[in-house]
C-alpha cells in the first residue's frame, strides 16, 4: 500500500493535510494551522499523529504546533531558516535533506519566494508535493521576501515535475485565483473549464486541492509567464518570462 492523504479545511481557507503510511502507521500533519480540525481529521481517519512537517514559519501554518506536540509527543520538522520562529521543532531541514514518515520518504526542497525559509516536501515515489504557499491551484503566493527571479525559479522547479504529480497547497484561494487568471488569460479554453469545475466544487463543499502539475501548466497564469498571450496581457511583449511573472504577480496584488 502506498501513501494515504486526507485533506481538509482549517481556519477560513487554510488547507490541512494528513499523510499516512499504512505499513507502519506513521502519520504526519503538513503544517499545523489549527488544532481542532486536525484532531477531527485524526478522529475521522483513525490515524495517530507521529510527525508535523512545517513548510514555513508564518503563524497560520505553525499556530497549533505546541498543543499538538503536547498532546501526541509528535516529532516536529521545520526549515532550518525558520529555526528561531519554530522553537518546538525537533529537527531542522534544508535543501538536499530528506524526511521519513514511517517508510514514506520526502525530499526537502527549498522553495523561497513567498518567504525566505519556505520548503516543500516532495514524495517522489508517490508523485506528491506539499508546496505550502509557493503555489496554489490557479495561483501562487505573494512575494513577501526575496526577489522575483528567486520566486520564479521555485515555481519553475515545481512545474518541471511529472504532469501527473499531485500538488497540495496551503490555502484554498481557487475561485479568486481563477477570476484573476481569466482576466490575465481570457482566451484560455482549459482555464474556463477549470473555473466551471471550481465553481461546482465550491457549491458541493469541495475544493480543487490537490491539483495536477499538467493542469496547472495549462491554466495557472504564473506558470505561463513564458507564453506570449500572458506577456501581452501585462504589456511585456518580448520580455523575459521572469519580468512577465513579476508584472502578473503585482497585478494580482492589486486585483
Protein backbone atom coordinates (compact mmCIF):
# COMPACT_ATOMS: atom_id res chain seq x y z
CA UNK A 1 0.00 0.00 0.00
CA UNK A 2 1.25 3.48 -0.83
CA UNK A 3 0.75 6.91 0.69
CA UNK A 4 -2.66 7.85 2.09
CA UNK A 5 -3.63 11.53 2.26
CA UNK A 6 -6.55 13.27 3.91
CA UNK A 7 -7.02 16.99 3.16
CA UNK A 8 -9.40 19.31 5.00
CA UNK A 9 -10.07 22.97 5.72
CA UNK A 10 -8.60 24.82 8.71
CA UNK A 11 -9.23 28.38 9.83
CA UNK A 12 -11.06 30.11 6.97
CA UNK A 13 -9.11 28.96 3.95
CA UNK A 14 -6.02 27.04 5.09
CA UNK A 15 -5.71 23.51 3.80
CA UNK A 16 -4.68 20.93 6.36
CA UNK A 17 -3.32 17.58 5.25
CA UNK A 18 -2.50 14.30 6.95
CA UNK A 19 -0.01 11.93 5.33
CA UNK A 20 -0.30 8.31 6.48
CA UNK A 21 1.94 5.31 5.91
CA UNK A 22 -0.40 2.31 6.12
CA UNK A 23 2.53 -0.09 6.53
CA UNK A 24 3.95 1.45 9.72
CA UNK A 25 1.03 3.56 10.94
CA UNK A 26 3.11 6.74 10.94
CA UNK A 27 1.13 9.91 10.23
CA UNK A 28 2.34 13.45 9.57
CA UNK A 29 0.40 16.69 9.52
CA UNK A 30 1.61 19.09 6.87
CA UNK A 31 1.83 22.31 8.87
CA UNK A 32 -0.39 22.90 11.91
CA UNK A 33 -2.80 25.73 11.15
CA UNK A 34 -5.45 24.92 13.78
CA UNK A 35 -5.72 22.20 16.40
CA UNK A 36 -9.46 21.45 16.25
CA UNK A 37 -9.74 20.47 12.57
CA UNK A 38 -6.56 18.39 12.81
CA UNK A 39 -7.94 16.49 15.81
CA UNK A 40 -11.21 15.96 13.94
CA UNK A 41 -9.35 14.67 10.88
CA UNK A 42 -7.34 12.26 13.04
CA UNK A 43 -10.57 11.00 14.62
CA UNK A 44 -12.23 10.57 11.24
CA UNK A 45 -9.31 8.62 9.79
CA UNK A 46 -8.34 6.69 12.90
CA UNK A 47 -4.72 7.71 12.39
CA UNK A 48 -2.34 8.72 15.20
CA UNK A 49 -0.12 11.77 14.77
CA UNK A 50 3.60 10.99 14.79
CA UNK A 51 5.06 13.99 12.93
CA UNK A 52 4.46 17.56 11.83
CA UNK A 53 6.20 18.74 8.66
CA UNK A 54 6.42 22.54 8.57
CA UNK A 55 6.64 24.34 5.23
CA UNK A 56 7.33 27.85 6.60
CA UNK A 57 7.18 29.96 9.71
CA UNK A 58 4.02 32.04 9.20
CA UNK A 59 1.58 31.95 12.11
CA UNK A 60 -1.28 30.41 10.14
CA UNK A 61 0.93 27.39 9.46
CA UNK A 62 2.51 26.87 12.89
CA UNK A 63 -0.13 28.05 15.40
CA UNK A 64 -1.16 24.58 16.57
CA UNK A 65 2.30 23.01 16.88
CA UNK A 66 2.64 23.46 20.65
CA UNK A 67 -0.71 21.93 21.69
CA UNK A 68 -0.38 19.07 19.19
CA UNK A 69 3.12 18.26 20.39
CA UNK A 70 1.96 18.29 23.98
CA UNK A 71 -0.96 16.00 23.18
CA UNK A 72 0.80 13.50 20.90
CA UNK A 73 4.51 13.92 21.71
CA UNK A 74 4.99 14.09 17.94
CA UNK A 75 8.21 14.96 16.15
CA UNK A 76 8.27 18.43 14.60
CA UNK A 77 10.38 19.02 11.48
CA UNK A 78 10.86 22.60 10.27
CA UNK A 79 13.03 24.57 7.85
CA UNK A 80 16.46 25.41 9.17
CA UNK A 81 15.97 29.02 8.07
CA UNK A 82 12.91 29.20 10.35
CA UNK A 83 14.80 27.91 13.38
CA UNK A 84 14.13 30.97 15.54
CA UNK A 85 10.43 31.02 14.68
CA UNK A 86 9.65 27.34 15.38
CA UNK A 87 11.13 26.73 18.83
CA UNK A 88 9.23 23.48 19.33
CA UNK A 89 10.94 21.78 16.38
CA UNK A 90 12.95 18.62 16.99
CA UNK A 91 14.70 18.59 13.62
CA UNK A 92 15.61 21.28 11.11
CA UNK A 93 15.97 20.59 7.40
CA UNK A 94 17.30 22.31 4.31
CA UNK A 95 17.87 21.67 0.60
CA UNK A 96 19.17 18.17 -0.03
CA UNK A 97 17.80 16.66 3.17
CA UNK A 98 15.02 14.10 3.30
CA UNK A 99 12.49 13.11 5.93
CA UNK A 100 10.74 9.83 6.66
CA UNK A 101 7.12 9.37 7.66
CA UNK A 102 7.33 5.71 8.50
CA UNK A 103 8.60 4.16 5.29
CA UNK A 104 7.49 7.12 3.18
CA UNK A 105 10.33 9.36 2.05
CA UNK A 106 10.07 13.06 1.20
CA UNK A 107 12.89 15.09 -0.30
CA UNK A 108 13.20 18.61 1.11
CA UNK A 109 13.21 21.35 -1.50
CA UNK A 110 13.93 24.94 -0.59
CA UNK A 111 11.28 26.91 -2.50
CA UNK A 112 11.76 30.56 -1.45
CA UNK A 113 9.68 33.41 -2.78
CA UNK A 114 6.67 33.72 -0.54
CA UNK A 115 9.24 33.83 2.27
CA UNK A 116 12.93 33.02 2.55
CA UNK A 117 12.55 29.96 4.79
CA UNK A 118 9.91 28.18 2.69
CA UNK A 119 10.41 24.49 1.90
CA UNK A 120 8.32 21.94 0.05
CA UNK A 121 8.16 18.19 0.65
CA UNK A 122 8.39 16.01 -2.48
CA UNK A 123 7.28 12.39 -2.05
CA UNK A 124 8.81 11.21 -5.31
CA UNK A 125 7.72 7.56 -5.08
CA UNK A 126 4.10 8.69 -4.83
CA UNK A 127 4.41 11.76 -7.07
CA UNK A 128 3.04 14.14 -4.45
CA UNK A 129 4.41 17.52 -3.41
CA UNK A 130 3.28 19.56 -0.43
CA UNK A 131 4.13 23.06 -1.57
CA UNK A 132 2.69 25.28 1.17
CA UNK A 133 2.21 28.84 -0.05
CA UNK A 134 4.59 28.64 -3.02
CA UNK A 135 1.94 27.55 -5.50
CA UNK A 136 -1.84 27.41 -5.26
CA UNK A 137 -4.44 25.94 -7.56
CA UNK A 138 -4.56 28.57 -10.35
CA UNK A 139 -2.22 30.88 -8.42
CA UNK A 140 0.88 31.42 -6.31
CA UNK A 141 1.73 33.10 -3.03
CA UNK A 142 2.55 36.75 -2.55
CA UNK A 143 6.21 37.63 -2.65
CA UNK A 144 6.93 38.78 0.89
CA UNK A 145 10.71 38.30 0.97
CA UNK A 146 13.43 37.81 -1.60
CA UNK A 147 13.24 38.56 -5.31
CA UNK A 148 11.02 37.72 -8.24
CA UNK A 149 13.78 35.72 -10.00
CA UNK A 150 14.09 33.57 -6.88
CA UNK A 151 10.34 33.01 -6.73
CA UNK A 152 10.17 32.29 -10.47
CA UNK A 153 12.91 29.67 -10.09
CA UNK A 154 10.94 27.97 -7.31
CA UNK A 155 7.81 27.83 -9.47
CA UNK A 156 9.77 26.56 -12.47
CA UNK A 157 11.20 23.76 -10.36
CA UNK A 158 7.73 22.66 -9.33
CA UNK A 159 6.46 22.99 -12.91
CA UNK A 160 9.18 20.58 -14.06
CA UNK A 161 7.63 17.75 -12.05
CA UNK A 162 5.76 14.99 -13.94
CA UNK A 163 2.44 16.05 -15.43
CA UNK A 164 0.56 13.67 -13.15
CA UNK A 165 2.27 14.83 -9.95
CA UNK A 166 -0.24 15.98 -7.34
CA UNK A 167 0.21 19.39 -5.71
CA UNK A 168 -1.16 20.07 -2.23
CA UNK A 169 -1.07 23.77 -1.43
CA UNK A 170 -1.56 25.58 1.84
CA UNK A 171 -4.72 27.57 1.05
CA UNK A 172 -7.89 27.30 -0.98
CA UNK A 173 -7.93 30.54 -2.97
CA UNK A 174 -9.11 28.81 -6.12
CA UNK A 175 -12.08 30.98 -7.09
CA UNK A 176 -10.32 34.31 -6.51
CA UNK A 177 -7.23 32.98 -8.29
CA UNK A 178 -9.40 31.82 -11.15
CA UNK A 179 -11.07 35.21 -11.56
CA UNK A 180 -7.66 36.81 -11.88
CA UNK A 181 -6.45 34.09 -14.24
CA UNK A 182 -9.41 34.75 -16.54
CA UNK A 183 -8.60 38.46 -16.55
CA UNK A 184 -4.99 37.73 -17.50
CA UNK A 185 -5.65 34.83 -19.89
CA UNK A 186 -9.21 35.33 -21.17
CA UNK A 187 -8.95 33.12 -24.26
CA UNK A 188 -7.73 30.03 -22.41
CA UNK A 189 -10.40 27.36 -23.00
CA UNK A 190 -8.86 24.94 -20.48
CA UNK A 191 -8.96 27.68 -17.84
CA UNK A 192 -12.64 28.35 -18.50
CA UNK A 193 -13.41 24.67 -17.97
CA UNK A 194 -11.40 24.59 -14.75
CA UNK A 195 -13.32 27.55 -13.41
CA UNK A 196 -16.57 25.72 -14.07
CA UNK A 197 -15.16 22.76 -12.16
CA UNK A 198 -14.02 25.03 -9.31
CA UNK A 199 -17.43 26.67 -9.02
CA UNK A 200 -19.16 23.29 -8.98
CA UNK A 201 -16.75 22.03 -6.33
CA UNK A 202 -17.39 25.08 -4.16
CA UNK A 203 -21.14 24.60 -4.42
CA UNK A 204 -20.71 20.99 -3.29
CA UNK A 205 -18.40 21.86 -0.40
CA UNK A 206 -15.28 20.52 -2.12
CA UNK A 207 -12.03 22.16 -3.21
CA UNK A 208 -9.68 21.59 -6.14
CA UNK A 209 -6.75 20.51 -3.99
CA UNK A 210 -4.76 18.55 -4.89
CA UNK A 211 -4.17 19.81 -8.38
CA UNK A 212 -2.13 18.12 -11.10
CA UNK A 213 1.01 19.71 -12.48
CA UNK A 214 -0.29 19.25 -16.02
CA UNK A 215 -3.48 21.15 -15.20
CA UNK A 216 -1.53 23.96 -13.54
CA UNK A 217 0.79 24.33 -16.53
CA UNK A 218 -2.26 24.64 -18.78
CA UNK A 219 -4.25 27.10 -16.64
CA UNK A 220 -2.16 28.81 -13.93
CA UNK A 221 -1.06 32.21 -15.29
CA UNK A 222 2.01 32.30 -13.05
CA UNK A 223 3.34 29.12 -14.65
CA UNK A 224 2.53 30.52 -18.09
CA UNK A 225 4.61 33.68 -17.90
CA UNK A 226 6.64 32.37 -20.83
CA UNK A 227 3.57 32.46 -23.07
CA UNK A 228 3.15 35.40 -25.48
CA UNK A 229 -0.51 35.86 -24.60
CA UNK A 230 0.37 36.42 -20.94
CA UNK A 231 3.15 38.81 -21.89
CA UNK A 232 0.66 40.79 -23.98
CA UNK A 233 -1.81 40.95 -21.12
CA UNK A 234 0.71 42.86 -18.99
CA UNK A 235 2.29 44.89 -21.81
CA UNK A 236 5.55 42.93 -21.70
CA UNK A 237 5.78 41.52 -25.22
CA UNK A 238 9.26 40.09 -25.81
CA UNK A 239 10.32 40.49 -22.18
CA UNK A 240 11.94 37.63 -20.24
CA UNK A 241 9.38 35.37 -18.52
CA UNK A 242 10.53 36.48 -15.07
CA UNK A 243 9.53 40.08 -15.90
CA UNK A 244 6.14 38.86 -17.08
CA UNK A 245 5.79 36.86 -13.88
CA UNK A 246 6.60 39.94 -11.80
CA UNK A 247 4.07 42.04 -13.68
CA UNK A 248 1.39 39.37 -13.25
CA UNK A 249 2.04 38.98 -9.54
CA UNK A 250 1.99 42.74 -8.94
CA UNK A 251 -1.25 42.99 -10.92
CA UNK A 252 -2.74 40.20 -8.78
CA UNK A 253 -1.73 42.14 -5.64
CA UNK A 254 -3.96 44.98 -6.80
CA UNK A 255 -6.73 42.81 -8.30
